[in-house]
Amino acid sequence: MTDESVSVVFSSLGHLKALHGMAMNRKFEGPDDVFFGSPHLAAAQHAILEALMQAEPQHAAQWESWRDARQHELVLNRVRQHLRDHRESVAAMEPTVRRAYVESLLAPLVGDPGLMSELAGG
């Protein structure tokens, strides 16, 4: 464990699922704020999903399939709208920074190469 690593223990799988659900709802149904696109929130959301997959290995394939951003049209619409609303600042980003930003916007979902090209350009 590095100095920056932190472990959290949940007393039930239900608590972990509640956290996952709350993070998804807040991020994609809440107001567009500093947390939308935050790499810290994205990393936390990926960690939560990984923990769910480890806690329920019999459902890991379902979670992995769920992670496909193309299956979440409302999330994609929200991300597309955000990118349109901030098109000037997004366009000014270096391509690798822009791609990382889009990945953070989608987290914990993941876009295939075609979707990432569409959203991040190039």
Protein backbone atom coordinates (compact mmCIF):
# COMPACT_ATOMS: atom_id res chain seq x y z
CA MET A 1 0.00 0.00 0.00
CA THR A 2 1.43 3.39 -0.97
CA ASP A 3 1.17 6.48 1.18
CA GLU A 4 -1.79 7.67 -0.90
CA SER A 5 -3.69 4.36 -0.93
CA VAL A 6 -6.74 4.01 1.24
CA SER A 7 -8.82 0.93 1.91
CA VAL A 8 -12.48 0.96 2.83
CA VAL A 9 -14.41 -2.00 4.17
CA PHE A 10 -18.16 -2.21 3.65
CA SER A 11 -20.24 -4.24 6.06
CA SER A 12 -22.49 -5.42 3.24
CA LEU A 13 -22.61 -5.68 -0.51
CA GLY A 14 -25.78 -3.60 -0.34
CA HIS A 15 -23.81 -0.67 1.03
CA LEU A 16 -21.35 -0.85 -1.85
CA LYS A 17 -24.19 -1.06 -4.38
CA ALA A 18 -25.88 1.92 -2.73
CA LEU A 19 -22.69 3.96 -3.06
CA HIS A 20 -22.36 2.97 -6.70
CA GLY A 21 -25.98 3.90 -7.41
CA MET A 22 -25.72 7.22 -5.59
CA ALA A 23 -22.51 8.15 -7.43
CA MET A 24 -24.09 7.31 -10.79
CA ASN A 25 -27.29 9.22 -10.04
CA ARG A 26 -25.50 12.26 -8.67
CA LYS A 27 -23.03 12.41 -11.52
CA PHE A 28 -25.41 11.90 -14.41
CA GLU A 29 -28.68 13.26 -13.02
CA GLY A 30 -27.34 16.03 -10.80
CA PRO A 31 -26.20 19.48 -11.80
CA ASP A 32 -23.22 19.91 -14.11
CA ASP A 33 -20.49 20.89 -11.64
CA VAL A 34 -16.80 20.41 -10.85
CA PHE A 35 -17.32 16.72 -10.12
CA PHE A 36 -18.55 16.01 -13.64
CA GLY A 37 -15.35 15.12 -15.44
CA SER A 38 -13.25 14.95 -12.27
CA PRO A 39 -10.46 12.38 -12.65
CA HIS A 40 -10.67 11.77 -8.90
CA LEU A 41 -14.37 10.90 -9.05
CA ALA A 42 -13.74 8.79 -12.16
CA ALA A 43 -11.02 6.81 -10.37
CA ALA A 44 -13.31 6.31 -7.37
CA GLN A 45 -16.16 5.13 -9.59
CA HIS A 46 -13.89 2.65 -11.38
CA ALA A 47 -12.67 1.38 -7.97
CA ILE A 48 -16.26 0.94 -6.77
CA LEU A 49 -17.14 -1.05 -9.88
CA GLU A 50 -14.01 -3.20 -9.54
CA ALA A 51 -14.96 -3.87 -5.91
CA LEU A 52 -18.44 -4.94 -7.02
CA MET A 53 -16.95 -7.29 -9.59
CA GLN A 54 -14.62 -8.80 -6.97
CA ALA A 55 -17.42 -9.11 -4.42
CA GLU A 56 -19.66 -10.89 -6.92
CA PRO A 57 -17.36 -12.80 -9.27
CA GLN A 58 -20.37 -14.73 -10.59
CA HIS A 59 -21.71 -11.38 -11.91
CA ALA A 60 -18.40 -9.88 -13.09
CA ALA A 61 -19.21 -10.51 -16.75
CA GLN A 62 -22.56 -8.75 -16.35
CA TRP A 63 -20.88 -5.74 -14.73
CA GLU A 64 -18.27 -5.70 -17.49
CA SER A 65 -21.04 -5.71 -20.09
CA TRP A 66 -22.91 -3.00 -18.16
CA ARG A 67 -19.78 -0.85 -18.34
CA ASP A 68 -20.19 -0.43 -22.14
CA ALA A 69 -21.09 3.25 -22.55
CA ARG A 70 -23.10 2.58 -25.72
CA GLN A 71 -25.71 0.82 -23.57
CA HIS A 72 -26.43 4.02 -21.63
CA GLU A 73 -28.04 6.51 -24.00
CA LEU A 74 -29.04 8.96 -21.26
CA VAL A 75 -25.45 9.10 -20.01
CA LEU A 76 -24.16 9.55 -23.55
CA ASN A 77 -26.64 12.35 -24.15
CA ARG A 78 -25.48 14.06 -20.95
CA VAL A 79 -21.81 13.73 -21.96
CA ARG A 80 -22.50 14.97 -25.49
CA GLN A 81 -24.40 17.98 -24.14
CA HIS A 82 -21.58 18.80 -21.74
CA LEU A 83 -19.05 18.62 -24.57
CA ARG A 84 -21.24 20.91 -26.71
CA ASP A 85 -21.73 23.36 -23.83
CA HIS A 86 -17.96 23.52 -23.25
CA ARG A 87 -16.81 23.06 -26.84
CA GLU A 88 -14.29 25.92 -26.82
CA SER A 89 -12.46 24.80 -23.69
CA VAL A 90 -12.60 21.13 -24.74
CA ALA A 91 -11.29 21.97 -28.22
CA ALA A 92 -8.37 23.86 -26.66
CA MET A 93 -7.21 20.72 -24.81
CA GLU A 94 -4.33 18.66 -26.15
CA PRO A 95 -5.72 15.46 -27.71
CA THR A 96 -4.45 13.18 -24.94
CA VAL A 97 -5.85 15.50 -22.26
CA ARG A 98 -9.18 15.73 -24.10
CA ARG A 99 -9.39 11.94 -24.34
CA ALA A 100 -8.64 11.55 -20.62
CA TYR A 101 -11.29 14.18 -19.86
CA VAL A 102 -13.90 12.31 -21.92
CA GLU A 103 -12.94 9.06 -20.17
CA SER A 104 -13.51 10.82 -16.83
CA LEU A 105 -16.87 12.13 -18.02
CA LEU A 106 -17.98 8.60 -18.92
CA ALA A 107 -16.62 6.84 -15.82
CA PRO A 108 -17.29 4.23 -14.67
CA LEU A 109 -18.52 3.46 -18.16
CA VAL A 110 -16.03 2.85 -20.95
CA GLY A 111 -16.29 3.86 -24.58
CA ASP A 112 -15.14 1.71 -27.46
CA PRO A 113 -12.61 3.24 -29.89
CA GLY A 114 -15.32 4.51 -32.25
CA LEU A 115 -17.27 6.20 -29.48
CA MET A 116 -14.12 7.71 -28.02
CA SER A 117 -13.18 9.06 -31.44
CA GLU A 118 -16.64 10.58 -31.78
CA LEU A 119 -16.61 12.17 -28.34
CA ALA A 120 -12.97 13.19 -28.03
CA GLY A 121 -12.32 13.82 -31.71
CA GLY A 122 -9.61 12.06 -33.64
